């Protein structure tokens, strides 16, 4: 499996259009046109087929990380400063801890139901 196959499979799996891939590449300051990008997705027998190098795949994957997760937080003198994100950022749900008495009661034996004749 070569880099072109990996790009094709990621494009299909993530339902990305060519213009979205160009924008993802811009996130890592890598400029590419739709025409150049289309050459990577062509059949290997086509005369305009171009093999994707490691640099193309590396920049696409780095841009994809920024696109999906948001930009990396930068540390400033021991404190974290968030960089403003253009895309949506996933928020982790906050879990509430149950009080200790509820956790301890969980293992106590429940009374048995008595059979009625």
PDB file of N, CA and C in Angstrom:
ATOM      1  N   UNK A   1       0.859  -1.174   0.000  1.00  0.00           N
ATOM      2  CA  UNK A   1       0.000   0.000   0.000  1.00  0.00           C
ATOM      3  C   UNK A   1       0.905   1.237   0.000  1.00  0.00           C
ATOM      4  N   UNK A   2       0.695   2.107  -0.966  1.00  0.00           N
ATOM      5  CA  UNK A   2       1.535   3.298  -1.064  1.00  0.00           C
ATOM      6  C   UNK A   2       0.796   4.520  -0.510  1.00  0.00           C
ATOM      7  N   UNK A   3       1.469   5.667  -0.534  1.00  0.00           N
ATOM      8  CA  UNK A   3       0.902   6.894   0.030  1.00  0.00           C
ATOM      9  C   UNK A   3      -0.388   7.312  -0.674  1.00  0.00           C
ATOM     10  N   UNK A   4      -0.473   7.066  -1.982  1.00  0.00           N
ATOM     11  CA  UNK A   4      -1.688   7.423  -2.718  1.00  0.00           C
ATOM     12  C   UNK A   4      -2.887   6.630  -2.209  1.00  0.00           C
ATOM     13  N   UNK A   5      -2.686   5.350  -1.951  1.00  0.00           N
ATOM     14  CA  UNK A   5      -3.767   4.512  -1.430  1.00  0.00           C
ATOM     15  C   UNK A   5      -4.222   4.991  -0.053  1.00  0.00           C
ATOM     16  N   UNK A   6      -3.263   5.393   0.787  1.00  0.00           N
ATOM     17  CA  UNK A   6      -3.602   5.882   2.122  1.00  0.00           C
ATOM     18  C   UNK A   6      -4.421   7.167   2.019  1.00  0.00           C
ATOM     19  N   UNK A   7      -3.996   8.079   1.131  1.00  0.00           N
ATOM     20  CA  UNK A   7      -4.750   9.324   0.933  1.00  0.00           C
ATOM     21  C   UNK A   7      -6.163   9.039   0.440  1.00  0.00           C
ATOM     22  N   UNK A   8      -6.283   8.114  -0.517  1.00  0.00           N
ATOM     23  CA  UNK A   8      -7.604   7.772  -1.061  1.00  0.00           C
ATOM     24  C   UNK A   8      -8.507   7.206   0.022  1.00  0.00           C
ATOM     25  N   UNK A   9      -7.981   6.291   0.816  1.00  0.00           N
ATOM     26  CA  UNK A   9      -8.788   5.647   1.851  1.00  0.00           C
ATOM     27  C   UNK A   9      -9.215   6.639   2.939  1.00  0.00           C
ATOM     28  N   UNK A  10      -8.316   7.556   3.315  1.00  0.00           N
ATOM     29  CA  UNK A  10      -8.672   8.566   4.307  1.00  0.00           C
ATOM     30  C   UNK A  10      -9.710   9.540   3.761  1.00  0.00           C
ATOM     31  N   UNK A  11      -9.581   9.891   2.485  1.00  0.00           N
ATOM     32  CA  UNK A  11     -10.551  10.805   1.875  1.00  0.00           C
ATOM     33  C   UNK A  11     -11.943  10.185   1.881  1.00  0.00           C
ATOM     34  N   UNK A  12     -12.040   8.903   1.549  1.00  0.00           N
ATOM     35  CA  UNK A  12     -13.333   8.225   1.512  1.00  0.00           C
ATOM     36  C   UNK A  12     -13.873   8.014   2.930  1.00  0.00           C
ATOM     37  N   UNK A  13     -13.003   7.572   3.845  1.00  0.00           N
ATOM     38  CA  UNK A  13     -13.446   7.275   5.208  1.00  0.00           C
ATOM     39  C   UNK A  13     -13.934   8.526   5.932  1.00  0.00           C
ATOM     40  N   UNK A  14     -13.282   9.662   5.695  1.00  0.00           N
ATOM     41  CA  UNK A  14     -13.651  10.901   6.378  1.00  0.00           C
ATOM     42  C   UNK A  14     -14.595  11.775   5.557  1.00  0.00           C
ATOM     43  N   UNK A  15     -14.973  11.279   4.368  1.00  0.00           N
ATOM     44  CA  UNK A  15     -15.899  11.978   3.471  1.00  0.00           C
ATOM     45  C   UNK A  15     -15.414  13.399   3.177  1.00  0.00           C
ATOM     46  N   UNK A  16     -14.148  13.506   2.758  1.00  0.00           N
ATOM     47  CA  UNK A  16     -13.545  14.797   2.469  1.00  0.00           C
ATOM     48  C   UNK A  16     -13.610  15.097   0.982  1.00  0.00           C
ATOM     49  N   UNK A  17     -13.897  16.358   0.644  1.00  0.00           N
ATOM     50  CA  UNK A  17     -13.859  16.808  -0.739  1.00  0.00           C
ATOM     51  C   UNK A  17     -12.474  17.400  -1.003  1.00  0.00           C
ATOM     52  N   UNK A  18     -12.173  17.614  -2.283  1.00  0.00           N
ATOM     53  CA  UNK A  18     -10.859  18.143  -2.640  1.00  0.00           C
ATOM     54  C   UNK A  18     -10.607  19.509  -2.013  1.00  0.00           C
ATOM     55  N   UNK A  19     -11.605  20.378  -1.999  1.00  0.00           N
ATOM     56  CA  UNK A  19     -11.409  21.711  -1.430  1.00  0.00           C
ATOM     57  C   UNK A  19     -11.178  21.649   0.081  1.00  0.00           C
ATOM     58  N   UNK A  20     -11.776  20.666   0.742  1.00  0.00           N
ATOM     59  CA  UNK A  20     -11.534  20.489   2.179  1.00  0.00           C
ATOM     60  C   UNK A  20     -10.108  20.004   2.434  1.00  0.00           C
ATOM     61  N   UNK A  21      -9.615  19.136   1.574  1.00  0.00           N
ATOM     62  CA  UNK A  21      -8.242  18.648   1.728  1.00  0.00           C
ATOM     63  C   UNK A  21      -7.254  19.788   1.496  1.00  0.00           C
ATOM     64  N   UNK A  22      -7.540  20.661   0.526  1.00  0.00           N
ATOM     65  CA  UNK A  22      -6.681  21.823   0.284  1.00  0.00           C
ATOM     66  C   UNK A  22      -6.649  22.708   1.526  1.00  0.00           C
ATOM     67  N   UNK A  23      -7.797  22.914   2.171  1.00  0.00           N
ATOM     68  CA  UNK A  23      -7.859  23.722   3.393  1.00  0.00           C
ATOM     69  C   UNK A  23      -7.098  23.053   4.539  1.00  0.00           C
ATOM     70  N   UNK A  24      -7.184  21.733   4.635  1.00  0.00           N
ATOM     71  CA  UNK A  24      -6.449  21.000   5.668  1.00  0.00           C
ATOM     72  C   UNK A  24      -4.951  21.166   5.467  1.00  0.00           C
ATOM     73  N   UNK A  25      -4.511  21.135   4.211  1.00  0.00           N
ATOM     74  CA  UNK A  25      -3.086  21.318   3.923  1.00  0.00           C
ATOM     75  C   UNK A  25      -2.633  22.744   4.240  1.00  0.00           C
ATOM     76  N   UNK A  26      -3.536  23.709   4.101  1.00  0.00           N
ATOM     77  CA  UNK A  26      -3.188  25.097   4.428  1.00  0.00           C
ATOM     78  C   UNK A  26      -2.972  25.283   5.924  1.00  0.00           C
ATOM     79  N   UNK A  27      -3.592  24.435   6.751  1.00  0.00           N
ATOM     80  CA  UNK A  27      -3.421  24.537   8.202  1.00  0.00           C
ATOM     81  C   UNK A  27      -1.979  24.333   8.630  1.00  0.00           C
ATOM     82  N   UNK A  28      -1.208  23.590   7.830  1.00  0.00           N
ATOM     83  CA  UNK A  28       0.209  23.359   8.129  1.00  0.00           C
ATOM     84  C   UNK A  28       1.101  24.127   7.157  1.00  0.00           C
ATOM     85  N   UNK A  29       0.553  25.187   6.560  1.00  0.00           N
ATOM     86  CA  UNK A  29       1.284  26.057   5.625  1.00  0.00           C
ATOM     87  C   UNK A  29       1.859  25.291   4.443  1.00  0.00           C
ATOM     88  N   UNK A  30       1.102  24.355   3.924  1.00  0.00           N
ATOM     89  CA  UNK A  30       1.497  23.608   2.737  1.00  0.00           C
ATOM     90  C   UNK A  30       0.478  23.920   1.651  1.00  0.00           C
ATOM     91  N   UNK A  31       0.922  24.603   0.616  1.00  0.00           N
ATOM     92  CA  UNK A  31       0.030  25.030  -0.462  1.00  0.00           C
ATOM     93  C   UNK A  31      -0.006  23.975  -1.558  1.00  0.00           C
ATOM     94  N   UNK A  32      -1.212  23.600  -1.958  1.00  0.00           N
ATOM     95  CA  UNK A  32      -1.409  22.631  -3.033  1.00  0.00           C
ATOM     96  C   UNK A  32      -2.713  22.989  -3.740  1.00  0.00           C
ATOM     97  N   UNK A  33      -2.752  22.804  -5.046  1.00  0.00           N
ATOM     98  CA  UNK A  33      -3.965  23.121  -5.797  1.00  0.00           C
ATOM     99  C   UNK A  33      -4.822  21.873  -5.942  1.00  0.00           C
ATOM    100  N   UNK A  34      -6.087  22.086  -6.326  1.00  0.00           N
ATOM    101  CA  UNK A  34      -6.984  20.946  -6.547  1.00  0.00           C
ATOM    102  C   UNK A  34      -6.482  20.075  -7.694  1.00  0.00           C
ATOM    103  N   UNK A  35      -5.881  20.686  -8.695  1.00  0.00           N
ATOM    104  CA  UNK A  35      -5.365  19.935  -9.836  1.00  0.00           C
ATOM    105  C   UNK A  35      -4.233  19.007  -9.410  1.00  0.00           C
ATOM    106  N   UNK A  36      -3.303  19.537  -8.614  1.00  0.00           N
ATOM    107  CA  UNK A  36      -2.210  18.704  -8.119  1.00  0.00           C
ATOM    108  C   UNK A  36      -2.752  17.586  -7.234  1.00  0.00           C
ATOM    109  N   UNK A  37      -3.745  17.922  -6.438  1.00  0.00           N
ATOM    110  CA  UNK A  37      -4.345  16.931  -5.549  1.00  0.00           C
ATOM    111  C   UNK A  37      -5.059  15.845  -6.348  1.00  0.00           C
ATOM    112  N   UNK A  38      -5.747  16.243  -7.422  1.00  0.00           N
ATOM    113  CA  UNK A  38      -6.454  15.280  -8.264  1.00  0.00           C
ATOM    114  C   UNK A  38      -5.515  14.269  -8.906  1.00  0.00           C
ATOM    115  N   UNK A  39      -4.275  14.662  -9.153  1.00  0.00           N
ATOM    116  CA  UNK A  39      -3.298  13.747  -9.741  1.00  0.00           C
ATOM    117  C   UNK A  39      -2.970  12.597  -8.794  1.00  0.00           C
ATOM    118  N   UNK A  40      -3.065  12.842  -7.497  1.00  0.00           N
ATOM    119  CA  UNK A  40      -2.784  11.782  -6.523  1.00  0.00           C
ATOM    120  C   UNK A  40      -3.911  10.755  -6.468  1.00  0.00           C
ATOM    121  N   UNK A  41      -5.133  11.183  -6.778  1.00  0.00           N
ATOM    122  CA  UNK A  41      -6.289  10.301  -6.658  1.00  0.00           C
ATOM    123  C   UNK A  41      -6.627   9.579  -7.965  1.00  0.00           C
ATOM    124  N   UNK A  42      -5.874   9.818  -9.005  1.00  0.00           N
ATOM    125  CA  UNK A  42      -6.124   9.147 -10.277  1.00  0.00           C
ATOM    126  C   UNK A  42      -5.665   7.692 -10.226  1.00  0.00           C
ATOM    127  N   UNK A  43      -6.118   6.922 -11.215  1.00  0.00           N
ATOM    128  CA  UNK A  43      -5.685   5.533 -11.345  1.00  0.00           C
ATOM    129  C   UNK A  43      -4.202   5.521 -11.727  1.00  0.00           C
ATOM    130  N   UNK A  44      -3.464   4.543 -11.252  1.00  0.00           N
ATOM    131  CA  UNK A  44      -2.019   4.507 -11.515  1.00  0.00           C
ATOM    132  C   UNK A  44      -1.692   4.337 -13.002  1.00  0.00           C
ATOM    133  N   UNK A  45      -2.645   3.904 -13.808  1.00  0.00           N
ATOM    134  CA  UNK A  45      -2.422   3.753 -15.252  1.00  0.00           C
ATOM    135  C   UNK A  45      -2.638   5.061 -16.015  1.00  0.00           C
ATOM    136  N   UNK A  46      -3.242   6.046 -15.391  1.00  0.00           N
ATOM    137  CA  UNK A  46      -3.569   7.303 -16.052  1.00  0.00           C
ATOM    138  C   UNK A  46      -2.287   8.090 -16.355  1.00  0.00           C
ATOM    139  N   UNK A  47      -2.229   8.785 -17.517  1.00  0.00           N
ATOM    140  CA  UNK A  47      -1.005   9.527 -17.863  1.00  0.00           C
ATOM    141  C   UNK A  47      -0.715  10.707 -16.924  1.00  0.00           C
ATOM    142  N   UNK A  48      -1.730  11.271 -16.252  1.00  0.00           N
ATOM    143  CA  UNK A  48      -1.510  12.396 -15.339  1.00  0.00           C
ATOM    144  C   UNK A  48      -1.382  11.971 -13.882  1.00  0.00           C
ATOM    145  N   UNK A  49      -1.244  10.675 -13.652  1.00  0.00           N
ATOM    146  CA  UNK A  49      -1.084  10.156 -12.291  1.00  0.00           C
ATOM    147  C   UNK A  49       0.239  10.652 -11.716  1.00  0.00           C
ATOM    148  N   UNK A  50       0.215  11.034 -10.446  1.00  0.00           N
ATOM    149  CA  UNK A  50       1.425  11.463  -9.761  1.00  0.00           C
ATOM    150  C   UNK A  50       1.501  10.743  -8.430  1.00  0.00           C
ATOM    151  N   UNK A  51       2.658  10.229  -8.102  1.00  0.00           N
ATOM    152  CA  UNK A  51       2.817   9.502  -6.844  1.00  0.00           C
ATOM    153  C   UNK A  51       2.991  10.492  -5.696  1.00  0.00           C
ATOM    154  N   UNK A  52       2.255  10.270  -4.618  1.00  0.00           N
ATOM    155  CA  UNK A  52       2.337  11.142  -3.443  1.00  0.00           C
ATOM    156  C   UNK A  52       3.564  10.769  -2.635  1.00  0.00           C
ATOM    157  N   UNK A  53       4.390  11.751  -2.370  1.00  0.00           N
ATOM    158  CA  UNK A  53       5.595  11.513  -1.581  1.00  0.00           C
ATOM    159  C   UNK A  53       5.295  11.510  -0.093  1.00  0.00           C
ATOM    160  N   UNK A  54       6.332  11.232   0.672  1.00  0.00           N
ATOM    161  CA  UNK A  54       6.179  11.195   2.129  1.00  0.00           C
ATOM    162  C   UNK A  54       5.832  12.572   2.685  1.00  0.00           C
ATOM    163  N   UNK A  55       6.365  13.630   2.064  1.00  0.00           N
ATOM    164  CA  UNK A  55       6.099  14.984   2.532  1.00  0.00           C
ATOM    165  C   UNK A  55       4.619  15.334   2.391  1.00  0.00           C
ATOM    166  N   UNK A  56       3.997  14.918   1.302  1.00  0.00           N
ATOM    167  CA  UNK A  56       2.563  15.175   1.084  1.00  0.00           C
ATOM    168  C   UNK A  56       1.743  14.483   2.168  1.00  0.00           C
ATOM    169  N   UNK A  57       2.003  13.203   2.376  1.00  0.00           N
ATOM    170  CA  UNK A  57       1.240  12.440   3.366  1.00  0.00           C
ATOM    171  C   UNK A  57       1.477  12.975   4.773  1.00  0.00           C
ATOM    172  N   UNK A  58       2.724  13.293   5.105  1.00  0.00           N
ATOM    173  CA  UNK A  58       3.044  13.820   6.437  1.00  0.00           C
ATOM    174  C   UNK A  58       2.307  15.132   6.696  1.00  0.00           C
ATOM    175  N   UNK A  59       2.334  16.045   5.728  1.00  0.00           N
ATOM    176  CA  UNK A  59       1.651  17.327   5.910  1.00  0.00           C
ATOM    177  C   UNK A  59       0.139  17.159   5.973  1.00  0.00           C
ATOM    178  N   UNK A  60      -0.401  16.224   5.197  1.00  0.00           N
ATOM    179  CA  UNK A  60      -1.844  15.968   5.261  1.00  0.00           C
ATOM    180  C   UNK A  60      -2.233  15.432   6.635  1.00  0.00           C
ATOM    181  N   UNK A  61      -1.469  14.487   7.157  1.00  0.00           N
ATOM    182  CA  UNK A  61      -1.794  13.912   8.470  1.00  0.00           C
ATOM    183  C   UNK A  61      -1.654  14.944   9.583  1.00  0.00           C
ATOM    184  N   UNK A  62      -0.614  15.778   9.515  1.00  0.00           N
ATOM    185  CA  UNK A  62      -0.456  16.832  10.524  1.00  0.00           C
ATOM    186  C   UNK A  62      -1.598  17.845  10.441  1.00  0.00           C
ATOM    187  N   UNK A  63      -2.002  18.199   9.230  1.00  0.00           N
ATOM    188  CA  UNK A  63      -3.130  19.109   9.055  1.00  0.00           C
ATOM    189  C   UNK A  63      -4.434  18.488   9.519  1.00  0.00           C
ATOM    190  N   UNK A  64      -4.583  17.187   9.298  1.00  0.00           N
ATOM    191  CA  UNK A  64      -5.785  16.483   9.729  1.00  0.00           C
ATOM    192  C   UNK A  64      -5.908  16.479  11.245  1.00  0.00           C
ATOM    193  N   UNK A  65      -4.787  16.333  11.936  1.00  0.00           N
ATOM    194  CA  UNK A  65      -4.792  16.379  13.398  1.00  0.00           C
ATOM    195  C   UNK A  65      -5.269  17.747  13.871  1.00  0.00           C
ATOM    196  N   UNK A  66      -4.759  18.803  13.252  1.00  0.00           N
ATOM    197  CA  UNK A  66      -5.181  20.156  13.633  1.00  0.00           C
ATOM    198  C   UNK A  66      -6.654  20.367  13.294  1.00  0.00           C
ATOM    199  N   UNK A  67      -7.077  19.852  12.151  1.00  0.00           N
ATOM    200  CA  UNK A  67      -8.476  20.001  11.723  1.00  0.00           C
ATOM    201  C   UNK A  67      -9.438  19.312  12.681  1.00  0.00           C
ATOM    202  N   UNK A  68      -9.086  18.125  13.153  1.00  0.00           N
ATOM    203  CA  UNK A  68      -9.983  17.354  14.010  1.00  0.00           C
ATOM    204  C   UNK A  68      -9.860  17.723  15.490  1.00  0.00           C
ATOM    205  N   UNK A  69      -8.651  17.981  15.978  1.00  0.00           N
ATOM    206  CA  UNK A  69      -8.447  18.255  17.401  1.00  0.00           C
ATOM    207  C   UNK A  69      -8.384  19.731  17.749  1.00  0.00           C
ATOM    208  N   UNK A  70      -8.002  20.549  16.790  1.00  0.00           N
ATOM    209  CA  UNK A  70      -7.745  21.955  17.071  1.00  0.00           C
ATOM    210  C   UNK A  70      -6.257  22.155  17.262  1.00  0.00           C
ATOM    211  N   UNK A  71      -5.803  23.405  17.259  1.00  0.00           N
ATOM    212  CA  UNK A  71      -4.364  23.663  17.387  1.00  0.00           C
ATOM    213  C   UNK A  71      -3.839  23.293  18.758  1.00  0.00           C
ATOM    214  N   UNK A  72      -2.549  23.042  18.809  1.00  0.00           N
ATOM    215  CA  UNK A  72      -1.887  22.631  20.041  1.00  0.00           C
ATOM    216  C   UNK A  72      -1.831  23.804  21.006  1.00  0.00           C
ATOM    217  N   UNK A  73      -2.052  23.513  22.287  1.00  0.00           N
ATOM    218  CA  UNK A  73      -1.962  24.543  23.309  1.00  0.00           C
ATOM    219  C   UNK A  73      -0.505  24.855  23.560  1.00  0.00           C
ATOM    220  N   UNK A  74      -0.185  26.163  23.646  1.00  0.00           N
ATOM    221  CA  UNK A  74       1.189  26.581  23.900  1.00  0.00           C
ATOM    222  C   UNK A  74       1.338  26.903  25.378  1.00  0.00           C
ATOM    223  N   UNK A  75       2.482  26.505  25.958  1.00  0.00           N
ATOM    224  CA  UNK A  75       2.744  26.786  27.363  1.00  0.00           C
ATOM    225  C   UNK A  75       3.543  28.078  27.463  1.00  0.00           C
ATOM    226  N   UNK A  76       3.057  28.978  28.333  1.00  0.00           N
ATOM    227  CA  UNK A  76       3.725  30.254  28.544  1.00  0.00           C
ATOM    228  C   UNK A  76       4.069  30.366  30.010  1.00  0.00           C
ATOM    229  N   UNK A  77       5.340  30.346  30.348  1.00  0.00           N
ATOM    230  CA  UNK A  77       5.864  30.486  31.713  1.00  0.00           C
ATOM    231  C   UNK A  77       5.082  29.643  32.730  1.00  0.00           C
ATOM    232  N   UNK A  78       4.927  28.362  32.427  1.00  0.00           N
ATOM    233  CA  UNK A  78       4.284  27.447  33.367  1.00  0.00           C
ATOM    234  C   UNK A  78       2.770  27.417  33.283  1.00  0.00           C
ATOM    235  N   UNK A  79       2.145  28.359  32.612  1.00  0.00           N
ATOM    236  CA  UNK A  79       0.701  28.378  32.466  1.00  0.00           C
ATOM    237  C   UNK A  79       0.345  28.013  31.041  1.00  0.00           C
ATOM    238  N   UNK A  80      -0.833  27.457  30.844  1.00  0.00           N
ATOM    239  CA  UNK A  80      -1.255  27.115  29.496  1.00  0.00           C
ATOM    240  C   UNK A  80      -2.104  28.232  28.936  1.00  0.00           C
ATOM    241  N   UNK A  81      -1.782  28.619  27.711  1.00  0.00           N
ATOM    242  CA  UNK A  81      -2.578  29.627  27.006  1.00  0.00           C
ATOM    243  C   UNK A  81      -3.163  28.953  25.783  1.00  0.00           C
ATOM    244  N   UNK A  82      -4.471  29.011  25.643  1.00  0.00           N
ATOM    245  CA  UNK A  82      -5.115  28.350  24.517  1.00  0.00           C
ATOM    246  C   UNK A  82      -5.007  29.208  23.266  1.00  0.00           C
ATOM    247  N   UNK A  83      -4.725  28.549  22.155  1.00  0.00           N
ATOM    248  CA  UNK A  83      -4.685  29.220  20.873  1.00  0.00           C
ATOM    249  C   UNK A  83      -6.089  29.187  20.304  1.00  0.00           C
ATOM    250  N   UNK A  84      -6.543  30.299  19.708  1.00  0.00           N
ATOM    251  CA  UNK A  84      -7.894  30.349  19.176  1.00  0.00           C
ATOM    252  C   UNK A  84      -8.020  29.385  18.008  1.00  0.00           C
ATOM    253  N   UNK A  85      -9.051  28.602  18.026  1.00  0.00           N
ATOM    254  CA  UNK A  85      -9.299  27.592  17.012  1.00  0.00           C
ATOM    255  C   UNK A  85     -10.343  28.093  16.030  1.00  0.00           C
ATOM    256  N   UNK A  86     -10.117  27.815  14.742  1.00  0.00           N
ATOM    257  CA  UNK A  86     -11.100  28.180  13.743  1.00  0.00           C
ATOM    258  C   UNK A  86     -12.193  27.122  13.637  1.00  0.00           C
ATOM    259  N   UNK A  87     -11.846  25.883  13.855  1.00  0.00           N
ATOM    260  CA  UNK A  87     -12.800  24.792  13.713  1.00  0.00           C
ATOM    261  C   UNK A  87     -13.421  24.417  15.043  1.00  0.00           C
ATOM    262  N   UNK A  88     -14.400  23.519  15.004  1.00  0.00           N
ATOM    263  CA  UNK A  88     -15.037  23.077  16.249  1.00  0.00           C
ATOM    264  C   UNK A  88     -14.070  22.247  17.074  1.00  0.00           C
ATOM    265  N   UNK A  89     -14.186  22.359  18.369  1.00  0.00           N
ATOM    266  CA  UNK A  89     -13.316  21.619  19.261  1.00  0.00           C
ATOM    267  C   UNK A  89     -14.177  20.675  20.087  1.00  0.00           C
ATOM    268  N   UNK A  90     -13.720  19.464  20.241  1.00  0.00           N
ATOM    269  CA  UNK A  90     -14.483  18.487  21.005  1.00  0.00           C
ATOM    270  C   UNK A  90     -14.335  18.782  22.496  1.00  0.00           C
ATOM    271  N   UNK A  91     -15.429  18.651  23.213  1.00  0.00           N
ATOM    272  CA  UNK A  91     -15.436  18.900  24.640  1.00  0.00           C
ATOM    273  C   UNK A  91     -15.659  17.584  25.352  1.00  0.00           C
ATOM    274  N   UNK A  92     -14.790  17.292  26.305  1.00  0.00           N
ATOM    275  CA  UNK A  92     -14.938  16.059  27.068  1.00  0.00           C
ATOM    276  C   UNK A  92     -16.011  16.264  28.129  1.00  0.00           C
ATOM    277  N   UNK A  93     -16.894  15.277  28.321  1.00  0.00           N
ATOM    278  CA  UNK A  93     -17.930  15.424  29.347  1.00  0.00           C
ATOM    279  C   UNK A  93     -17.318  15.362  30.741  1.00  0.00           C
ATOM    280  N   UNK A  94     -17.890  16.144  31.640  1.00  0.00           N
ATOM    281  CA  UNK A  94     -17.418  16.123  33.018  1.00  0.00           C
ATOM    282  C   UNK A  94     -18.236  15.101  33.785  1.00  0.00           C
ATOM    283  N   UNK A  95     -17.551  14.237  34.518  1.00  0.00           N
ATOM    284  CA  UNK A  95     -18.220  13.207  35.289  1.00  0.00           C
ATOM    285  C   UNK A  95     -18.281  13.637  36.746  1.00  0.00           C
ATOM    286  N   UNK A  96     -19.454  13.451  37.328  1.00  0.00           N
ATOM    287  CA  UNK A  96     -19.618  13.795  38.731  1.00  0.00           C
ATOM    288  C   UNK A  96     -19.338  12.561  39.573  1.00  0.00           C
ATOM    289  N   UNK A  97     -18.644  12.771  40.650  1.00  0.00           N
ATOM    290  CA  UNK A  97     -18.340  11.665  41.540  1.00  0.00           C
ATOM    291  C   UNK A  97     -19.476  11.496  42.539  1.00  0.00           C
ATOM    292  N   UNK A  98     -19.857  10.258  42.737  1.00  0.00           N
ATOM    293  CA  UNK A  98     -20.920   9.976  43.693  1.00  0.00           C
ATOM    294  C   UNK A  98     -20.373  10.110  45.107  1.00  0.00           C
ATOM    295  N   UNK A  99     -21.216  10.513  46.041  1.00  0.00           N
ATOM    296  CA  UNK A  99     -20.762  10.570  47.437  1.00  0.00           C
ATOM    297  C   UNK A  99     -20.396   9.168  47.925  1.00  0.00           C
ATOM    298  N   UNK A 100     -19.527   9.105  48.920  1.00  0.00           N
ATOM    299  CA  UNK A 100     -19.024   7.826  49.419  1.00  0.00           C
ATOM    300  C   UNK A 100     -20.124   6.907  49.948  1.00  0.00           C
ATOM    301  N   UNK A 101     -21.151   7.472  50.583  1.00  0.00           N
ATOM    302  CA  UNK A 101     -22.175   6.610  51.159  1.00  0.00           C
ATOM    303  C   UNK A 101     -22.934   5.844  50.086  1.00  0.00           C
ATOM    304  N   UNK A 102     -23.113   6.407  48.893  1.00  0.00           N
ATOM    305  CA  UNK A 102     -23.811   5.688  47.832  1.00  0.00           C
ATOM    306  C   UNK A 102     -22.947   4.558  47.292  1.00  0.00           C
ATOM    307  N   UNK A 103     -21.654   4.774  47.221  1.00  0.00           N
ATOM    308  CA  UNK A 103     -20.766   3.724  46.733  1.00  0.00           C
ATOM    309  C   UNK A 103     -20.684   2.572  47.723  1.00  0.00           C
ATOM    310  N   UNK A 104     -20.662   2.882  49.027  1.00  0.00           N
ATOM    311  CA  UNK A 104     -20.557   1.827  50.030  1.00  0.00           C
ATOM    312  C   UNK A 104     -21.851   1.035  50.147  1.00  0.00           C
ATOM    313  N   UNK A 105     -22.998   1.676  49.963  1.00  0.00           N
ATOM    314  CA  UNK A 105     -24.284   0.988  50.050  1.00  0.00           C
ATOM    315  C   UNK A 105     -24.517   0.072  48.854  1.00  0.00           C
ATOM    316  N   UNK A 106     -23.797   0.274  47.831  1.00  0.00           N
ATOM    317  CA  UNK A 106     -23.975  -0.501  46.614  1.00  0.00           C
ATOM    318  C   UNK A 106     -23.683  -1.991  46.852  1.00  0.00           C
ATOM    319  N   UNK A 107     -22.788  -2.284  47.769  1.00  0.00           N
ATOM    320  CA  UNK A 107     -22.384  -3.664  47.986  1.00  0.00           C
ATOM    321  C   UNK A 107     -23.111  -4.328  49.155  1.00  0.00           C
ATOM    322  N   UNK A 108     -23.993  -3.618  49.808  1.00  0.00           N
ATOM    323  CA  UNK A 108     -24.728  -4.217  50.920  1.00  0.00           C
ATOM    324  C   UNK A 108     -25.764  -5.185  50.369  1.00  0.00           C
ATOM    325  N   UNK A 109     -26.049  -6.176  51.152  1.00  0.00           N
ATOM    326  CA  UNK A 109     -26.981  -7.218  50.748  1.00  0.00           C
ATOM    327  C   UNK A 109     -28.407  -6.701  50.792  1.00  0.00           C
ATOM    328  N   UNK A 110     -29.154  -7.004  49.735  1.00  0.00           N
ATOM    329  CA  UNK A 110     -30.552  -6.606  49.684  1.00  0.00           C
ATOM    330  C   UNK A 110     -31.411  -7.689  50.317  1.00  0.00           C
ATOM    331  N   UNK A 111     -32.520  -7.295  50.978  1.00  0.00           N
ATOM    332  CA  UNK A 111     -33.384  -8.314  51.577  1.00  0.00           C
ATOM    333  C   UNK A 111     -34.028  -9.188  50.498  1.00  0.00           C
ATOM    334  N   UNK A 112     -34.178 -10.463  50.809  1.00  0.00           N
ATOM    335  CA  UNK A 112     -34.789 -11.401  49.868  1.00  0.00           C
ATOM    336  C   UNK A 112     -36.294 -11.246  49.865  1.00  0.00           C
ATOM    337  N   UNK A 113     -36.907 -11.433  48.722  1.00  0.00           N
ATOM    338  CA  UNK A 113     -38.347 -11.394  48.621  1.00  0.00           C
ATOM    339  C   UNK A 113     -38.915 -12.714  49.147  1.00  0.00           C
ATOM    340  N   UNK A 114     -39.889 -12.639  50.004  1.00  0.00           N
ATOM    341  CA  UNK A 114     -40.468 -13.855  50.560  1.00  0.00           C
ATOM    342  C   UNK A 114     -41.561 -14.349  49.636  1.00  0.00           C
ATOM    343  N   UNK A 115     -41.572 -15.641  49.419  1.00  0.00           N
ATOM    344  CA  UNK A 115     -42.588 -16.232  48.566  1.00  0.00           C
ATOM    345  C   UNK A 115     -43.911 -16.295  49.309  1.00  0.00           C
ATOM    346  N   UNK A 116     -44.955 -15.874  48.611  1.00  0.00           N
ATOM    347  CA  UNK A 116     -46.294 -15.960  49.208  1.00  0.00           C
ATOM    348  C   UNK A 116     -46.998 -17.175  48.621  1.00  0.00           C
ATOM    349  N   UNK A 117     -47.652 -18.013  49.500  1.00  0.00           N
ATOM    350  CA  UNK A 117     -48.345 -19.206  48.993  1.00  0.00           C
ATOM    351  C   UNK A 117     -49.644 -18.922  48.304  1.00  0.00           C
TER     352      UNK A 117
END
